Amino acid sequence: EMRNYYEGPYSASIPALAIIFAVVRANLLLIVPLGILF
């Protein structure tokens, strides 16, 4: 049962968590170009 959980709901959430992690640290993608523009 525990194996099924890790292979099911838990594994399904990993790609979304990776996207969230990248988005949270991606604010420099806006700060740098806008800062140069200003």
ModelCIF file with pLDDT and N, C-alpha, C, O atoms, coordinates in Angstrom:
data_MODEL
#
_entry.id   MODEL 
#
_entity.id                         1 
_entity.type                       polymer 
_entity.pdbx_number_of_molecules   1 
#
_entity_poly.entity_id                      1 
_entity_poly.type                           'polypeptide(L)' 
_entity_poly.nstd_linkage                   no 
_entity_poly.nstd_monomer                   no 
_entity_poly.pdbx_seq_one_letter_code       EMRNYYEGPYSASIPALAIIFAVVRANLLLIVPLGILF 
_entity_poly.pdbx_seq_one_letter_code_can   EMRNYYEGPYSASIPALAIIFAVVRANLLLIVPLGILF 
_entity_poly.pdbx_strand_id                 A 
#
loop_
_entity_poly_seq.entity_id 
_entity_poly_seq.num 
_entity_poly_seq.mon_id 
_entity_poly_seq.hetero 
1 1  GLU n 
1 2  MET n 
1 3  ARG n 
1 4  ASN n 
1 5  TYR n 
1 6  TYR n 
1 7  GLU n 
1 8  GLY n 
1 9  PRO n 
1 10 TYR n 
1 11 SER n 
1 12 ALA n 
1 13 SER n 
1 14 ILE n 
1 15 PRO n 
1 16 ALA n 
1 17 LEU n 
1 18 ALA n 
1 19 ILE n 
1 20 ILE n 
1 21 PHE n 
1 22 ALA n 
1 23 VAL n 
1 24 VAL n 
1 25 ARG n 
1 26 ALA n 
1 27 ASN n 
1 28 LEU n 
1 29 LEU n 
1 30 LEU n 
1 31 ILE n 
1 32 VAL n 
1 33 PRO n 
1 34 LEU n 
1 35 GLY n 
1 36 ILE n 
1 37 LEU n 
1 38 PHE n 
#
_struct_asym.id          A 
_struct_asym.entity_id   1 
#
loop_
_ma_qa_metric.id 
_ma_qa_metric.mode 
_ma_qa_metric.name 
_ma_qa_metric.software_group_id 
_ma_qa_metric.type 
1 global pLDDT . pLDDT 
2 local  pLDDT . pLDDT 
#
_ma_qa_metric_global.metric_id      1 
_ma_qa_metric_global.metric_value   79.18 
_ma_qa_metric_global.model_id       1 
_ma_qa_metric_global.ordinal_id     1 
#
loop_
_ma_qa_metric_local.label_asym_id 
_ma_qa_metric_local.label_comp_id 
_ma_qa_metric_local.label_seq_id 
_ma_qa_metric_local.metric_id 
_ma_qa_metric_local.metric_value 
_ma_qa_metric_local.model_id 
_ma_qa_metric_local.ordinal_id 
A GLU 1  2 80.00 1 1  
A MET 2  2 80.00 1 2  
A ARG 3  2 82.00 1 3  
A ASN 4  2 79.00 1 4  
A TYR 5  2 74.00 1 5  
A TYR 6  2 76.00 1 6  
A GLU 7  2 74.00 1 7  
A GLY 8  2 74.00 1 8  
A PRO 9  2 71.00 1 9  
A TYR 10 2 71.00 1 10 
A SER 11 2 73.00 1 11 
A ALA 12 2 72.00 1 12 
A SER 13 2 73.00 1 13 
A ILE 14 2 75.00 1 14 
A PRO 15 2 78.00 1 15 
A ALA 16 2 75.00 1 16 
A LEU 17 2 74.00 1 17 
A ALA 18 2 76.00 1 18 
A ILE 19 2 77.00 1 19 
A ILE 20 2 76.00 1 20 
A PHE 21 2 74.00 1 21 
A ALA 22 2 75.00 1 22 
A VAL 23 2 75.00 1 23 
A VAL 24 2 73.00 1 24 
A ARG 25 2 72.00 1 25 
A ALA 26 2 76.00 1 26 
A ASN 27 2 80.00 1 27 
A LEU 28 2 81.00 1 28 
A LEU 29 2 83.00 1 29 
A LEU 30 2 86.00 1 30 
A ILE 31 2 89.00 1 31 
A VAL 32 2 89.00 1 32 
A PRO 33 2 90.00 1 33 
A LEU 34 2 91.00 1 34 
A GLY 35 2 90.00 1 35 
A ILE 36 2 91.00 1 36 
A LEU 37 2 92.00 1 37 
A PHE 38 2 92.00 1 38 
#
loop_
_atom_site.group_PDB 
_atom_site.id 
_atom_site.type_symbol 
_atom_site.label_atom_id 
_atom_site.label_alt_id 
_atom_site.label_comp_id 
_atom_site.label_asym_id 
_atom_site.label_entity_id 
_atom_site.label_seq_id 
_atom_site.pdbx_PDB_ins_code 
_atom_site.Cartn_x 
_atom_site.Cartn_y 
_atom_site.Cartn_z 
_atom_site.occupancy 
_atom_site.B_iso_or_equiv 
_atom_site.pdbx_formal_charge 
_atom_site.auth_seq_id 
_atom_site.auth_comp_id 
_atom_site.auth_asym_id 
_atom_site.auth_atom_id 
_atom_site.pdbx_PDB_model_num 
ATOM 1   N N  . GLU A 1 1  ? 0.833  -1.210 0.000   1.00 80.00 ? 1  GLU A N  1 
ATOM 2   C CA . GLU A 1 1  ? 0.000  0.000  0.000   1.00 80.00 ? 1  GLU A CA 1 
ATOM 3   C C  . GLU A 1 1  ? 0.860  1.249  0.000   1.00 80.00 ? 1  GLU A C  1 
ATOM 4   O O  . GLU A 1 1  ? 0.590  2.192  -0.745  1.00 80.00 ? 1  GLU A O  1 
ATOM 5   N N  . MET A 1 2  ? 1.906  1.264  0.840   1.00 80.00 ? 2  MET A N  1 
ATOM 6   C CA . MET A 1 2  ? 2.789  2.424  0.895   1.00 80.00 ? 2  MET A CA 1 
ATOM 7   C C  . MET A 1 2  ? 3.533  2.603  -0.426  1.00 80.00 ? 2  MET A C  1 
ATOM 8   O O  . MET A 1 2  ? 3.723  3.728  -0.889  1.00 80.00 ? 2  MET A O  1 
ATOM 9   N N  . ARG A 1 3  ? 3.948  1.500  -1.024  1.00 82.00 ? 3  ARG A N  1 
ATOM 10  C CA . ARG A 1 3  ? 4.624  1.590  -2.321  1.00 82.00 ? 3  ARG A CA 1 
ATOM 11  C C  . ARG A 1 3  ? 3.694  2.177  -3.376  1.00 82.00 ? 3  ARG A C  1 
ATOM 12  O O  . ARG A 1 3  ? 4.106  3.007  -4.186  1.00 82.00 ? 3  ARG A O  1 
ATOM 13  N N  . ASN A 1 4  ? 2.447  1.741  -3.358  1.00 79.00 ? 4  ASN A N  1 
ATOM 14  C CA . ASN A 1 4  ? 1.475  2.277  -4.314  1.00 79.00 ? 4  ASN A CA 1 
ATOM 15  C C  . ASN A 1 4  ? 1.267  3.772  -4.120  1.00 79.00 ? 4  ASN A C  1 
ATOM 16  O O  . ASN A 1 4  ? 1.073  4.515  -5.082  1.00 79.00 ? 4  ASN A O  1 
ATOM 17  N N  . TYR A 1 5  ? 1.310  4.206  -2.847  1.00 74.00 ? 5  TYR A N  1 
ATOM 18  C CA . TYR A 1 5  ? 1.146  5.641  -2.586  1.00 74.00 ? 5  TYR A CA 1 
ATOM 19  C C  . TYR A 1 5  ? 2.308  6.428  -3.191  1.00 74.00 ? 5  TYR A C  1 
ATOM 20  O O  . TYR A 1 5  ? 2.098  7.444  -3.853  1.00 74.00 ? 5  TYR A O  1 
ATOM 21  N N  . TYR A 1 6  ? 3.535  5.954  -2.961  1.00 76.00 ? 6  TYR A N  1 
ATOM 22  C CA . TYR A 1 6  ? 4.705  6.668  -3.490  1.00 76.00 ? 6  TYR A CA 1 
ATOM 23  C C  . TYR A 1 6  ? 4.746  6.645  -5.019  1.00 76.00 ? 6  TYR A C  1 
ATOM 24  O O  . TYR A 1 6  ? 5.188  7.604  -5.651  1.00 76.00 ? 6  TYR A O  1 
ATOM 25  N N  . GLU A 1 7  ? 4.282  5.546  -5.601  1.00 74.00 ? 7  GLU A N  1 
ATOM 26  C CA . GLU A 1 7  ? 4.270  5.464  -7.056  1.00 74.00 ? 7  GLU A CA 1 
ATOM 27  C C  . GLU A 1 7  ? 3.069  6.179  -7.664  1.00 74.00 ? 7  GLU A C  1 
ATOM 28  O O  . GLU A 1 7  ? 3.040  6.447  -8.865  1.00 74.00 ? 7  GLU A O  1 
ATOM 29  N N  . GLY A 1 8  ? 2.081  6.487  -6.830  1.00 74.00 ? 8  GLY A N  1 
ATOM 30  C CA . GLY A 1 8  ? 0.871  7.131  -7.322  1.00 74.00 ? 8  GLY A CA 1 
ATOM 31  C C  . GLY A 1 8  ? 0.814  8.615  -7.022  1.00 74.00 ? 8  GLY A C  1 
ATOM 32  O O  . GLY A 1 8  ? 1.442  9.409  -7.723  1.00 74.00 ? 8  GLY A O  1 
ATOM 33  N N  . PRO A 1 9  ? 0.055  9.017  -5.969  1.00 71.00 ? 9  PRO A N  1 
ATOM 34  C CA . PRO A 1 9  ? -0.129 10.452 -5.678  1.00 71.00 ? 9  PRO A CA 1 
ATOM 35  C C  . PRO A 1 9  ? 1.176  11.204 -5.453  1.00 71.00 ? 9  PRO A C  1 
ATOM 36  O O  . PRO A 1 9  ? 1.327  12.338 -5.909  1.00 71.00 ? 9  PRO A O  1 
ATOM 37  N N  . TYR A 1 10 ? 2.131  10.574 -4.745  1.00 71.00 ? 10 TYR A N  1 
ATOM 38  C CA . TYR A 1 10 ? 3.382  11.288 -4.451  1.00 71.00 ? 10 TYR A CA 1 
ATOM 39  C C  . TYR A 1 10 ? 4.187  11.535 -5.719  1.00 71.00 ? 10 TYR A C  1 
ATOM 40  O O  . TYR A 1 10 ? 4.667  12.648 -5.938  1.00 71.00 ? 10 TYR A O  1 
ATOM 41  N N  . SER A 1 11 ? 4.342  10.513 -6.555  1.00 73.00 ? 11 SER A N  1 
ATOM 42  C CA . SER A 1 11 ? 5.107  10.676 -7.793  1.00 73.00 ? 11 SER A CA 1 
ATOM 43  C C  . SER A 1 11 ? 4.444  11.679 -8.733  1.00 73.00 ? 11 SER A C  1 
ATOM 44  O O  . SER A 1 11 ? 5.123  12.426 -9.438  1.00 73.00 ? 11 SER A O  1 
ATOM 45  N N  . ALA A 1 12 ? 3.119  11.687 -8.734  1.00 72.00 ? 12 ALA A N  1 
ATOM 46  C CA . ALA A 1 12 ? 2.404  12.604 -9.622  1.00 72.00 ? 12 ALA A CA 1 
ATOM 47  C C  . ALA A 1 12 ? 2.643  14.065 -9.250  1.00 72.00 ? 12 ALA A C  1 
ATOM 48  O O  . ALA A 1 12 ? 2.526  14.946 -10.102 1.00 72.00 ? 12 ALA A O  1 
ATOM 49  N N  . SER A 1 13 ? 2.976  14.330 -7.989  1.00 73.00 ? 13 SER A N  1 
ATOM 50  C CA . SER A 1 13 ? 3.169  15.718 -7.558  1.00 73.00 ? 13 SER A CA 1 
ATOM 51  C C  . SER A 1 13 ? 4.589  16.227 -7.801  1.00 73.00 ? 13 SER A C  1 
ATOM 52  O O  . SER A 1 13 ? 4.826  17.430 -7.697  1.00 73.00 ? 13 SER A O  1 
ATOM 53  N N  . ILE A 1 14 ? 5.536  15.352 -8.119  1.00 75.00 ? 14 ILE A N  1 
ATOM 54  C CA . ILE A 1 14 ? 6.939  15.763 -8.253  1.00 75.00 ? 14 ILE A CA 1 
ATOM 55  C C  . ILE A 1 14 ? 7.153  16.773 -9.388  1.00 75.00 ? 14 ILE A C  1 
ATOM 56  O O  . ILE A 1 14 ? 7.824  17.778 -9.155  1.00 75.00 ? 14 ILE A O  1 
ATOM 57  N N  . PRO A 1 15 ? 6.619  16.565 -10.613 1.00 78.00 ? 15 PRO A N  1 
ATOM 58  C CA . PRO A 1 15 ? 6.822  17.584 -11.665 1.00 78.00 ? 15 PRO A CA 1 
ATOM 59  C C  . PRO A 1 15 ? 6.283  18.955 -11.274 1.00 78.00 ? 15 PRO A C  1 
ATOM 60  O O  . PRO A 1 15 ? 6.920  19.975 -11.542 1.00 78.00 ? 15 PRO A O  1 
ATOM 61  N N  . ALA A 1 16 ? 5.117  18.982 -10.644 1.00 75.00 ? 16 ALA A N  1 
ATOM 62  C CA . ALA A 1 16 ? 4.544  20.271 -10.234 1.00 75.00 ? 16 ALA A CA 1 
ATOM 63  C C  . ALA A 1 16 ? 5.415  20.941 -9.182  1.00 75.00 ? 16 ALA A C  1 
ATOM 64  O O  . ALA A 1 16 ? 5.607  22.156 -9.218  1.00 75.00 ? 16 ALA A O  1 
ATOM 65  N N  . LEU A 1 17 ? 5.946  20.156 -8.240  1.00 74.00 ? 17 LEU A N  1 
ATOM 66  C CA . LEU A 1 17 ? 6.830  20.731 -7.223  1.00 74.00 ? 17 LEU A CA 1 
ATOM 67  C C  . LEU A 1 17 ? 8.098  21.291 -7.852  1.00 74.00 ? 17 LEU A C  1 
ATOM 68  O O  . LEU A 1 17 ? 8.604  22.320 -7.405  1.00 74.00 ? 17 LEU A O  1 
ATOM 69  N N  . ALA A 1 18 ? 8.618  20.633 -8.879  1.00 76.00 ? 18 ALA A N  1 
ATOM 70  C CA . ALA A 1 18 ? 9.816  21.140 -9.567  1.00 76.00 ? 18 ALA A CA 1 
ATOM 71  C C  . ALA A 1 18 ? 9.531  22.474 -10.248 1.00 76.00 ? 18 ALA A C  1 
ATOM 72  O O  . ALA A 1 18 ? 10.370 23.374 -10.236 1.00 76.00 ? 18 ALA A O  1 
ATOM 73  N N  . ILE A 1 19 ? 8.346  22.597 -10.841 1.00 77.00 ? 19 ILE A N  1 
ATOM 74  C CA . ILE A 1 19 ? 7.967  23.861 -11.485 1.00 77.00 ? 19 ILE A CA 1 
ATOM 75  C C  . ILE A 1 19 ? 7.840  24.974 -10.449 1.00 77.00 ? 19 ILE A C  1 
ATOM 76  O O  . ILE A 1 19 ? 8.302  26.095 -10.663 1.00 77.00 ? 19 ILE A O  1 
ATOM 77  N N  . ILE A 1 20 ? 7.207  24.647 -9.326  1.00 76.00 ? 20 ILE A N  1 
ATOM 78  C CA . ILE A 1 20 ? 7.052  25.642 -8.263  1.00 76.00 ? 20 ILE A CA 1 
ATOM 79  C C  . ILE A 1 20 ? 8.411  26.106 -7.761  1.00 76.00 ? 20 ILE A C  1 
ATOM 80  O O  . ILE A 1 20 ? 8.631  27.301 -7.567  1.00 76.00 ? 20 ILE A O  1 
ATOM 81  N N  . PHE A 1 21 ? 9.317  25.165 -7.553  1.00 74.00 ? 21 PHE A N  1 
ATOM 82  C CA . PHE A 1 21 ? 10.658 25.501 -7.064  1.00 74.00 ? 21 PHE A CA 1 
ATOM 83  C C  . PHE A 1 21 ? 11.370 26.433 -8.039  1.00 74.00 ? 21 PHE A C  1 
ATOM 84  O O  . PHE A 1 21 ? 12.045 27.373 -7.621  1.00 74.00 ? 21 PHE A O  1 
ATOM 85  N N  . ALA A 1 22 ? 11.223 26.175 -9.334  1.00 75.00 ? 22 ALA A N  1 
ATOM 86  C CA . ALA A 1 22 ? 11.863 27.030 -10.341 1.00 75.00 ? 22 ALA A CA 1 
ATOM 87  C C  . ALA A 1 22 ? 11.229 28.414 -10.376 1.00 75.00 ? 22 ALA A C  1 
ATOM 88  O O  . ALA A 1 22 ? 11.925 29.421 -10.508 1.00 75.00 ? 22 ALA A O  1 
ATOM 89  N N  . VAL A 1 23 ? 9.891  28.458 -10.256 1.00 75.00 ? 23 VAL A N  1 
ATOM 90  C CA . VAL A 1 23 ? 9.199  29.753 -10.318 1.00 75.00 ? 23 VAL A CA 1 
ATOM 91  C C  . VAL A 1 23 ? 9.559  30.629 -9.132  1.00 75.00 ? 23 VAL A C  1 
ATOM 92  O O  . VAL A 1 23 ? 9.759  31.835 -9.283  1.00 75.00 ? 23 VAL A O  1 
ATOM 93  N N  . VAL A 1 24 ? 9.642  30.028 -7.953  1.00 73.00 ? 24 VAL A N  1 
ATOM 94  C CA . VAL A 1 24 ? 9.930  30.796 -6.749  1.00 73.00 ? 24 VAL A CA 1 
ATOM 95  C C  . VAL A 1 24 ? 11.291 31.483 -6.857  1.00 73.00 ? 24 VAL A C  1 
ATOM 96  O O  . VAL A 1 24 ? 11.467 32.593 -6.356  1.00 73.00 ? 24 VAL A O  1 
ATOM 97  N N  . ARG A 1 25 ? 12.239 30.836 -7.499  1.00 72.00 ? 25 ARG A N  1 
ATOM 98  C CA . ARG A 1 25 ? 13.591 31.393 -7.593  1.00 72.00 ? 25 ARG A CA 1 
ATOM 99  C C  . ARG A 1 25 ? 13.839 32.131 -8.913  1.00 72.00 ? 25 ARG A C  1 
ATOM 100 O O  . ARG A 1 25 ? 14.975 32.491 -9.219  1.00 72.00 ? 25 ARG A O  1 
ATOM 101 N N  . ALA A 1 26 ? 12.789 32.352 -9.684  1.00 76.00 ? 26 ALA A N  1 
ATOM 102 C CA . ALA A 1 26 ? 12.981 32.934 -11.014 1.00 76.00 ? 26 ALA A CA 1 
ATOM 103 C C  . ALA A 1 26 ? 12.672 34.422 -11.078 1.00 76.00 ? 26 ALA A C  1 
ATOM 104 O O  . ALA A 1 26 ? 12.537 34.971 -12.171 1.00 76.00 ? 26 ALA A O  1 
ATOM 105 N N  . ASN A 1 27 ? 12.557 35.090 -9.926  1.00 80.00 ? 27 ASN A N  1 
ATOM 106 C CA . ASN A 1 27 ? 12.199 36.511 -9.981  1.00 80.00 ? 27 ASN A CA 1 
ATOM 107 C C  . ASN A 1 27 ? 13.295 37.367 -10.609 1.00 80.00 ? 27 ASN A C  1 
ATOM 108 O O  . ASN A 1 27 ? 13.020 38.464 -11.094 1.00 80.00 ? 27 ASN A O  1 
ATOM 109 N N  . LEU A 1 28 ? 14.542 36.872 -10.605 1.00 81.00 ? 28 LEU A N  1 
ATOM 110 C CA . LEU A 1 28 ? 15.611 37.628 -11.266 1.00 81.00 ? 28 LEU A CA 1 
ATOM 111 C C  . LEU A 1 28 ? 15.387 37.710 -12.779 1.00 81.00 ? 28 LEU A C  1 
ATOM 112 O O  . LEU A 1 28 ? 15.924 38.603 -13.435 1.00 81.00 ? 28 LEU A O  1 
ATOM 113 N N  . LEU A 1 29 ? 14.606 36.795 -13.330 1.00 83.00 ? 29 LEU A N  1 
ATOM 114 C CA . LEU A 1 29 ? 14.302 36.859 -14.754 1.00 83.00 ? 29 LEU A CA 1 
ATOM 115 C C  . LEU A 1 29 ? 13.507 38.107 -15.105 1.00 83.00 ? 29 LEU A C  1 
ATOM 116 O O  . LEU A 1 29 ? 13.510 38.557 -16.251 1.00 83.00 ? 29 LEU A O  1 
ATOM 117 N N  . LEU A 1 30 ? 12.827 38.662 -14.108 1.00 86.00 ? 30 LEU A N  1 
ATOM 118 C CA . LEU A 1 30 ? 12.116 39.924 -14.310 1.00 86.00 ? 30 LEU A CA 1 
ATOM 119 C C  . LEU A 1 30 ? 12.918 41.112 -13.817 1.00 86.00 ? 30 LEU A C  1 
ATOM 120 O O  . LEU A 1 30 ? 12.907 42.172 -14.442 1.00 86.00 ? 30 LEU A O  1 
ATOM 121 N N  . ILE A 1 31 ? 13.622 40.944 -12.692 1.00 89.00 ? 31 ILE A N  1 
ATOM 122 C CA . ILE A 1 31 ? 14.354 42.066 -12.095 1.00 89.00 ? 31 ILE A CA 1 
ATOM 123 C C  . ILE A 1 31 ? 15.488 42.527 -12.998 1.00 89.00 ? 31 ILE A C  1 
ATOM 124 O O  . ILE A 1 31 ? 15.678 43.728 -13.195 1.00 89.00 ? 31 ILE A O  1 
ATOM 125 N N  . VAL A 1 32 ? 16.242 41.584 -13.547 1.00 89.00 ? 32 VAL A N  1 
ATOM 126 C CA . VAL A 1 32 ? 17.424 41.953 -14.343 1.00 89.00 ? 32 VAL A CA 1 
ATOM 127 C C  . VAL A 1 32 ? 17.056 42.712 -15.622 1.00 89.00 ? 32 VAL A C  1 
ATOM 128 O O  . VAL A 1 32 ? 17.569 43.811 -15.829 1.00 89.00 ? 32 VAL A O  1 
ATOM 129 N N  . PRO A 1 33 ? 16.186 42.173 -16.492 1.00 90.00 ? 33 PRO A N  1 
ATOM 130 C CA . PRO A 1 33 ? 15.880 42.935 -17.717 1.00 90.00 ? 33 PRO A CA 1 
ATOM 131 C C  . PRO A 1 33 ? 15.172 44.258 -17.442 1.00 90.00 ? 33 PRO A C  1 
ATOM 132 O O  . PRO A 1 33 ? 15.460 45.262 -18.092 1.00 90.00 ? 33 PRO A O  1 
ATOM 133 N N  . LEU A 1 34 ? 14.244 44.266 -16.479 1.00 91.00 ? 34 LEU A N  1 
ATOM 134 C CA . LEU A 1 34 ? 13.564 45.523 -16.167 1.00 91.00 ? 34 LEU A CA 1 
ATOM 135 C C  . LEU A 1 34 ? 14.530 46.521 -15.548 1.00 91.00 ? 34 LEU A C  1 
ATOM 136 O O  . LEU A 1 34 ? 14.451 47.715 -15.838 1.00 91.00 ? 34 LEU A O  1 
ATOM 137 N N  . GLY A 1 35 ? 15.441 46.054 -14.701 1.00 90.00 ? 35 GLY A N  1 
ATOM 138 C CA . GLY A 1 35 ? 16.426 46.950 -14.106 1.00 90.00 ? 35 GLY A CA 1 
ATOM 139 C C  . GLY A 1 35 ? 17.324 47.575 -15.152 1.00 90.00 ? 35 GLY A C  1 
ATOM 140 O O  . GLY A 1 35 ? 17.623 48.768 -15.097 1.00 90.00 ? 35 GLY A O  1 
ATOM 141 N N  . ILE A 1 36 ? 17.754 46.756 -16.113 1.00 91.00 ? 36 ILE A N  1 
ATOM 142 C CA . ILE A 1 36 ? 18.592 47.301 -17.201 1.00 91.00 ? 36 ILE A CA 1 
ATOM 143 C C  . ILE A 1 36 ? 17.799 48.317 -18.017 1.00 91.00 ? 36 ILE A C  1 
ATOM 144 O O  . ILE A 1 36 ? 18.318 49.369 -18.390 1.00 91.00 ? 36 ILE A O  1 
ATOM 145 N N  . LEU A 1 37 ? 16.543 47.993 -18.288 1.00 92.00 ? 37 LEU A N  1 
ATOM 146 C CA . LEU A 1 37 ? 15.699 48.912 -19.060 1.00 92.00 ? 37 LEU A CA 1 
ATOM 147 C C  . LEU A 1 37 ? 15.524 50.245 -18.334 1.00 92.00 ? 37 LEU A C  1 
ATOM 148 O O  . LEU A 1 37 ? 15.639 51.303 -18.954 1.00 92.00 ? 37 LEU A O  1 
ATOM 149 N N  . PHE A 1 38 ? 15.250 50.210 -17.043 1.00 92.00 ? 38 PHE A N  1 
ATOM 150 C CA . PHE A 1 38 ? 15.064 51.441 -16.273 1.00 92.00 ? 38 PHE A CA 1 
ATOM 151 C C  . PHE A 1 38 ? 16.369 52.213 -16.140 1.00 92.00 ? 38 PHE A C  1 
ATOM 152 O O  . PHE A 1 38 ? 16.396 53.277 -15.521 1.00 92.00 ? 38 PHE A O  1 
#
